[in-house]
């Protein structure tokens, strides 16, 4: 894959900033968002189990006092939740990330990939439709349930399991402005994707999943073509996709022309009354 990106120019700091921001902005859609004490809070009291809807990102706190103030604010804002989550990227002060590691948070890495030109691979003809009716959302909910069952099997008992309904509601509240897509085979929904043009010239394709029985047929590629084309028709230029760096979809995205640009780290831990009352030992 190195040769595919060897001739690409280095990315500007401004483009990197906007590329890192669009994924977090997608999380924020449909939820309450505000800046306070050196962080951007995303919160939804109606979806307490959904970590995508309840976390802190874009952290600027650096000094010990600033970090203590932000962590204290987090405890107030997320009181009652069984977890705490912070989304960190290369712009996060290293002092804050070190504090999280010291305080017992566990990191999970995600890979940012960016498409700046055209998609490199053509797509096979598939039945791809935008989700724009009650019937289509019913089809999406059916497939979401299958995806949830498969995903939840990968979680350990202490990772904060949620229900398929919570996951579906978290996605549904983002539309509009986000757009959701389904691919059908013989009129059965078998794959889905979300797309959004963003709000700063960089778009996103997200939540890409194909039913296990229908993989390796080009359905995901067809959905990505639809999502990229739609986001660009609505004002986006570069397009971001976020992948697990330890899983195979990143290779498909690279083959399509998405180049790796950054690593995001999601820090998470379970909390309880004992841990909340215990002062930091660091």
Protein backbone atom coordinates (compact mmCIF):
# COMPACT_ATOMS: atom_id res chain seq x y z
CA UNK A 1 0.00 0.00 0.00
CA UNK A 2 2.96 2.34 0.49
CA UNK A 3 3.38 2.90 -3.26
CA UNK A 4 -0.25 4.00 -3.59
CA UNK A 5 0.37 7.08 -1.46
CA UNK A 6 4.08 7.76 -2.11
CA UNK A 7 3.47 10.69 -4.49
CA UNK A 8 0.80 12.40 -2.42
CA UNK A 9 1.81 15.80 -0.98
CA UNK A 10 2.03 16.23 2.80
CA UNK A 11 -1.20 17.22 4.48
CA UNK A 12 -1.63 20.78 5.71
CA UNK A 13 -2.23 21.36 9.41
CA UNK A 14 -5.61 22.90 8.57
CA UNK A 15 -6.80 19.86 6.60
CA UNK A 16 -5.62 17.54 9.37
CA UNK A 17 -7.55 19.58 11.93
CA UNK A 18 -10.74 19.47 9.85
CA UNK A 19 -10.35 15.76 9.12
CA UNK A 20 -9.95 14.97 12.79
CA UNK A 21 -12.96 17.11 13.70
CA UNK A 22 -15.55 15.64 11.32
CA UNK A 23 -15.77 12.25 13.05
CA UNK A 24 -16.34 13.94 16.41
CA UNK A 25 -18.89 16.26 14.84
CA UNK A 26 -20.78 13.20 13.60
CA UNK A 27 -20.90 11.85 17.15
CA UNK A 28 -22.29 15.19 18.30
CA UNK A 29 -25.20 15.24 15.82
CA UNK A 30 -28.49 14.90 17.69
CA UNK A 31 -26.85 15.27 21.10
CA UNK A 32 -26.19 18.20 23.40
CA UNK A 33 -22.70 19.63 22.85
CA UNK A 34 -20.87 22.34 24.75
CA UNK A 35 -17.34 23.45 25.58
CA UNK A 36 -16.25 23.75 29.20
CA UNK A 37 -13.06 23.60 31.27
CA UNK A 38 -10.77 22.60 28.42
CA UNK A 39 -12.91 19.99 26.65
CA UNK A 40 -15.89 19.55 24.32
CA UNK A 41 -18.71 17.63 26.01
CA UNK A 42 -21.14 15.41 24.09
CA UNK A 43 -24.08 14.38 26.24
CA UNK A 44 -27.46 12.70 25.84
CA UNK A 45 -29.30 11.82 29.04
CA UNK A 46 -31.87 9.82 27.05
CA UNK A 47 -29.15 7.43 25.82
CA UNK A 48 -27.06 6.84 28.95
CA UNK A 49 -25.66 3.52 27.73
CA UNK A 50 -24.36 4.97 24.46
CA UNK A 51 -20.76 6.08 24.88
CA UNK A 52 -20.71 7.75 21.44
CA UNK A 53 -23.38 10.08 22.84
CA UNK A 54 -21.72 10.69 26.23
CA UNK A 55 -18.04 11.57 26.20
CA UNK A 56 -15.47 14.37 26.03
CA UNK A 57 -13.30 15.29 23.02
CA UNK A 58 -11.07 18.12 21.72
CA UNK A 59 -9.27 18.35 25.05
CA UNK A 60 -6.95 21.33 25.55
CA UNK A 61 -6.29 20.96 29.31
CA UNK A 62 -2.54 20.63 29.86
CA UNK A 63 -1.42 21.80 33.30
CA UNK A 64 -2.21 19.77 36.46
CA UNK A 65 -4.72 22.40 37.58
CA UNK A 66 -6.42 22.49 34.16
CA UNK A 67 -6.61 18.70 34.06
CA UNK A 68 -8.04 18.49 37.59
CA UNK A 69 -10.65 21.10 36.69
CA UNK A 70 -11.73 19.21 33.56
CA UNK A 71 -11.92 15.86 35.35
CA UNK A 72 -14.00 17.43 38.13
CA UNK A 73 -16.38 18.89 35.54
CA UNK A 74 -16.68 15.48 33.90
CA UNK A 75 -17.78 13.94 37.20
CA UNK A 76 -20.49 16.56 37.55
CA UNK A 77 -21.75 16.34 33.98
CA UNK A 78 -21.75 12.54 33.77
CA UNK A 79 -22.80 11.73 37.32
CA UNK A 80 -24.85 8.55 37.34
CA UNK A 81 -23.25 7.01 34.25
CA UNK A 82 -21.36 3.75 34.73
CA UNK A 83 -18.41 4.84 32.57
CA UNK A 84 -16.25 7.75 31.53
CA UNK A 85 -14.89 8.24 28.01
CA UNK A 86 -12.44 10.62 26.36
CA UNK A 87 -11.69 10.75 22.61
CA UNK A 88 -8.11 11.87 22.01
CA UNK A 89 -6.27 12.66 18.78
CA UNK A 90 -2.76 13.89 17.84
CA UNK A 91 -3.72 17.44 18.86
CA UNK A 92 -4.47 16.41 22.46
CA UNK A 93 -1.87 17.57 25.03
CA UNK A 94 0.27 14.54 25.96
CA UNK A 95 0.05 15.50 29.64
CA UNK A 96 -3.70 14.81 29.58
CA UNK A 97 -3.32 11.44 27.90
CA UNK A 98 -0.66 10.46 30.44
CA UNK A 99 -3.03 11.37 33.26
CA UNK A 100 -5.76 9.13 31.86
CA UNK A 101 -3.32 6.23 31.64
CA UNK A 102 -2.29 6.89 35.23
CA UNK A 103 -5.92 6.99 36.34
CA UNK A 104 -6.72 3.54 34.98
CA UNK A 105 -8.32 4.34 31.64
CA UNK A 106 -7.99 1.76 28.84
CA UNK A 107 -7.13 2.95 25.31
CA UNK A 108 -8.66 1.69 22.09
CA UNK A 109 -7.07 2.82 18.84
CA UNK A 110 -8.90 3.90 15.69
CA UNK A 111 -7.32 4.74 12.33
CA UNK A 112 -8.25 7.88 10.39
CA UNK A 113 -8.07 7.49 6.59
CA UNK A 114 -8.71 10.29 4.09
CA UNK A 115 -9.83 10.30 0.45
CA UNK A 116 -8.80 13.45 -1.42
CA UNK A 117 -9.25 12.40 -5.06
CA UNK A 118 -11.61 10.01 -6.78
CA UNK A 119 -12.31 6.49 -5.57
CA UNK A 120 -9.80 4.17 -7.23
CA UNK A 121 -11.97 1.08 -7.67
CA UNK A 122 -15.22 0.93 -9.64
CA UNK A 123 -18.32 -0.53 -8.03
CA UNK A 124 -20.46 -3.39 -9.23
CA UNK A 125 -24.12 -2.63 -9.90
CA UNK A 126 -26.07 -3.14 -6.69
CA UNK A 127 -29.43 -2.05 -5.36
CA UNK A 128 -28.42 0.88 -3.12
CA UNK A 129 -31.11 3.13 -1.65
CA UNK A 130 -31.11 6.10 0.69
CA UNK A 131 -33.09 5.60 3.91
CA UNK A 132 -35.84 8.19 3.51
CA UNK A 133 -39.11 6.55 4.58
CA UNK A 134 -40.61 4.67 7.51
CA UNK A 135 -40.35 1.44 5.53
CA UNK A 136 -36.67 2.03 4.81
CA UNK A 137 -35.97 2.83 8.47
CA UNK A 138 -37.73 -0.41 9.40
CA UNK A 139 -35.38 -2.26 7.04
CA UNK A 140 -32.43 -0.44 8.58
CA UNK A 141 -33.58 -1.36 12.09
CA UNK A 142 -33.84 -5.01 11.09
CA UNK A 143 -30.27 -5.04 9.79
CA UNK A 144 -29.05 -2.98 12.74
CA UNK A 145 -30.28 -5.73 15.08
CA UNK A 146 -28.18 -8.31 13.23
CA UNK A 147 -25.14 -6.02 13.31
CA UNK A 148 -25.62 -5.37 17.04
CA UNK A 149 -25.75 -9.09 17.86
CA UNK A 150 -22.50 -9.68 15.99
CA UNK A 151 -20.78 -6.66 17.54
CA UNK A 152 -21.94 -7.33 21.10
CA UNK A 153 -20.33 -10.78 20.96
CA UNK A 154 -16.94 -9.02 20.77
CA UNK A 155 -17.48 -7.08 24.02
CA UNK A 156 -16.44 -8.34 27.42
CA UNK A 157 -18.91 -8.31 30.28
CA UNK A 158 -17.45 -5.11 31.77
CA UNK A 159 -17.42 -2.99 28.62
CA UNK A 160 -20.87 -1.47 29.00
CA UNK A 161 -23.19 -3.43 26.72
CA UNK A 162 -26.10 -1.61 25.16
CA UNK A 163 -29.20 -2.75 23.32
CA UNK A 164 -29.88 -2.77 19.61
CA UNK A 165 -32.60 -0.19 20.23
CA UNK A 166 -30.10 2.20 21.83
CA UNK A 167 -27.72 1.82 18.89
CA UNK A 168 -30.55 2.37 16.39
CA UNK A 169 -31.84 5.46 18.23
CA UNK A 170 -28.33 6.90 18.36
CA UNK A 171 -28.08 6.64 14.57
CA UNK A 172 -31.64 7.72 13.82
CA UNK A 173 -31.32 11.07 15.64
CA UNK A 174 -28.51 12.10 13.28
CA UNK A 175 -30.74 12.11 10.20
CA UNK A 176 -30.92 14.75 8.91
CA UNK A 177 -28.31 16.06 8.22
CA UNK A 178 -26.53 12.68 8.06
CA UNK A 179 -27.79 10.32 5.38
CA UNK A 180 -28.12 6.56 5.78
CA UNK A 181 -27.92 4.01 2.98
CA UNK A 182 -28.98 0.40 2.50
CA UNK A 183 -27.87 -2.17 -0.05
CA UNK A 184 -30.40 -4.84 -0.95
CA UNK A 185 -30.11 -8.30 -2.45
CA UNK A 186 -33.38 -9.77 -3.69
CA UNK A 187 -35.16 -6.97 -1.83
CA UNK A 188 -33.55 -7.97 1.48
CA UNK A 189 -31.47 -5.34 3.35
CA UNK A 190 -27.95 -6.77 3.73
CA UNK A 191 -25.55 -3.83 4.16
CA UNK A 192 -25.64 -0.26 5.41
CA UNK A 193 -23.57 2.93 5.59
CA UNK A 194 -23.89 6.48 6.88
CA UNK A 195 -22.58 9.57 5.11
CA UNK A 196 -22.40 13.26 5.94
CA UNK A 197 -20.96 16.26 4.15
CA UNK A 198 -19.65 17.74 7.41
CA UNK A 199 -19.70 21.40 8.26
CA UNK A 200 -16.17 22.49 7.34
CA UNK A 201 -15.56 21.11 3.83
CA UNK A 202 -14.55 17.60 4.92
CA UNK A 203 -17.12 14.81 4.76
CA UNK A 204 -17.43 11.37 6.33
CA UNK A 205 -18.54 7.85 5.54
CA UNK A 206 -19.25 5.83 8.67
CA UNK A 207 -21.03 2.83 10.22
CA UNK A 208 -20.22 0.51 7.33
CA UNK A 209 -21.48 -3.03 7.83
CA UNK A 210 -22.41 -6.00 5.65
CA UNK A 211 -24.35 -9.08 6.73
CA UNK A 212 -21.89 -11.97 7.13
CA UNK A 213 -23.60 -14.08 4.45
CA UNK A 214 -23.21 -11.33 1.82
CA UNK A 215 -19.63 -10.17 2.23
CA UNK A 216 -17.06 -10.06 -0.60
CA UNK A 217 -19.68 -9.18 -3.22
CA UNK A 218 -18.79 -5.51 -3.57
CA UNK A 219 -21.73 -4.26 -1.50
CA UNK A 220 -19.59 -2.14 0.82
CA UNK A 221 -17.79 -0.63 -2.18
CA UNK A 222 -21.11 0.27 -3.80
CA UNK A 223 -22.28 1.91 -0.56
CA UNK A 224 -19.04 3.89 -0.24
CA UNK A 225 -19.44 5.16 -3.82
CA UNK A 226 -22.99 6.27 -2.97
CA UNK A 227 -21.98 7.92 0.30
CA UNK A 228 -18.91 9.69 -1.10
CA UNK A 229 -20.82 10.92 -4.14
CA UNK A 230 -23.69 12.23 -2.06
CA UNK A 231 -21.43 13.99 0.49
CA UNK A 232 -19.50 15.68 -2.31
CA UNK A 233 -22.69 16.74 -4.07
CA UNK A 234 -23.57 18.55 -0.82
CA UNK A 235 -20.30 20.46 -0.50
CA UNK A 236 -17.66 18.06 0.86
CA UNK A 237 -14.24 17.68 -0.73
CA UNK A 238 -12.00 15.25 1.16
CA UNK A 239 -13.78 12.35 2.85
CA UNK A 240 -12.81 10.63 6.10
CA UNK A 241 -13.40 7.04 7.14
CA UNK A 242 -12.42 5.70 10.57
CA UNK A 243 -11.39 2.06 10.91
CA UNK A 244 -10.05 -0.40 13.43
CA UNK A 245 -6.29 -0.56 12.70
CA UNK A 246 -6.28 -4.24 13.67
CA UNK A 247 -9.10 -5.30 11.34
CA UNK A 248 -9.28 -5.90 7.59
CA UNK A 249 -11.67 -3.12 6.38
CA UNK A 250 -8.78 -0.63 6.50
CA UNK A 251 -7.19 -2.53 3.59
CA UNK A 252 -10.32 -2.13 1.46
CA UNK A 253 -10.38 1.60 2.24
CA UNK A 254 -6.72 1.89 1.25
CA UNK A 255 -7.41 0.09 -2.03
CA UNK A 256 -10.21 2.58 -2.70
CA UNK A 257 -7.81 5.50 -2.22
CA UNK A 258 -8.17 6.44 1.44
CA UNK A 259 -4.73 7.17 2.86
CA UNK A 260 -3.85 6.81 6.55
CA UNK A 261 -3.42 10.16 8.29
CA UNK A 262 -3.74 9.77 12.08
CA UNK A 263 -4.50 7.54 15.04
CA UNK A 264 -7.33 8.37 17.40
CA UNK A 265 -7.37 6.86 20.88
CA UNK A 266 -10.59 6.32 22.81
CA UNK A 267 -9.91 6.12 26.54
CA UNK A 268 -12.63 4.46 28.61
CA UNK A 269 -13.17 3.04 32.07
CA UNK A 270 -16.03 1.73 34.18
CA UNK A 271 -16.79 3.69 37.33
CA UNK A 272 -18.72 3.06 40.52
CA UNK A 273 -19.37 4.79 43.82
CA UNK A 274 -16.05 3.62 45.25
CA UNK A 275 -13.91 4.79 42.34
CA UNK A 276 -15.77 8.10 42.12
CA UNK A 277 -15.03 8.91 45.73
CA UNK A 278 -11.38 7.90 45.52
CA UNK A 279 -8.91 10.67 44.78
CA UNK A 280 -6.38 10.17 42.01
CA UNK A 281 -3.25 8.35 43.13
CA UNK A 282 -1.13 9.95 40.38
